[in-house]
Amino acid sequence: MKIIGINGSPRKGWNTHTLVAEALKGAGEGGAETELVNLYDLRFTGCISCFACKLQGGPGLGHCAVQDGLKPLLENIEAADGLVIGSPIYWGEATASTRAFLERFLFQYLAYGKERNALLQKRIKTAFIFTGNVPADHLDPMGYRAKFDDYKRVFDRFIGEAQVLIVTETLQVDDYAKYGMTMFDEAARRKRREEIFPLDCKRAFEAGAALART
């Protein structure tokens, strides 16, 4: 079994990267082979709407035709059994690189036929990990949970059963005094990092372990 983890954060070693690594650790201890990919190490664009992946009788039906840094990852995912996708939330959305990846990953499998709407020949279970600085009680009124549910619905339909892990009130920087971030309570964030973040890491570990049990 192969599980691929995708870090959609530009910041290595921080919250999202750590949580994706923990999920892969859980999958690994469950017997899966794992691989972690940092999206910001790759050079690629979003979907260019060439429709090569929809060409009837074409060699690329159901597969993205764009030859760039994302192409090998898309091929590796199709050969995998599970997927972990992690992203921080910037301006109410997943990062630009995560969105570009999802455009390319999902659109290649979308069919517009009356008789079928998905070209992926298998099911790939997925764990989403979203991180942000908002408190948990802001997720619903600010529309975050609804957005994450949309990701789950799309994956449930076109890719495979998806689970969503949301991590809130993350520690953003090493020293808040260096930045214009006075609205945040640094002491409270550090306390949460010490006491709550390890529990979040455990949840990520368990999510990865669950993928390995499929």
Foldseek 3Di string as FASTA:
>chain_A
DEEEEEQADPDDPFQQNLLSVLLQVLLVVLPHHYYYDYLVVWDDFADPPPCQCADVPHPNPLADPDDGRCRVVLVVQLVGQEYEYEAEADPLHGDRSSVRSCRRNQVSQAYPDPVDGGNRPDAYEYEYEYEYQDDPVVCVVVVNVVVVVVVQVSNVPHHRHYHYHYHYNAQDDDDCVVDPPVVDDNVVNVVCCVPPSVVSSVVSSVNSNVSSVD
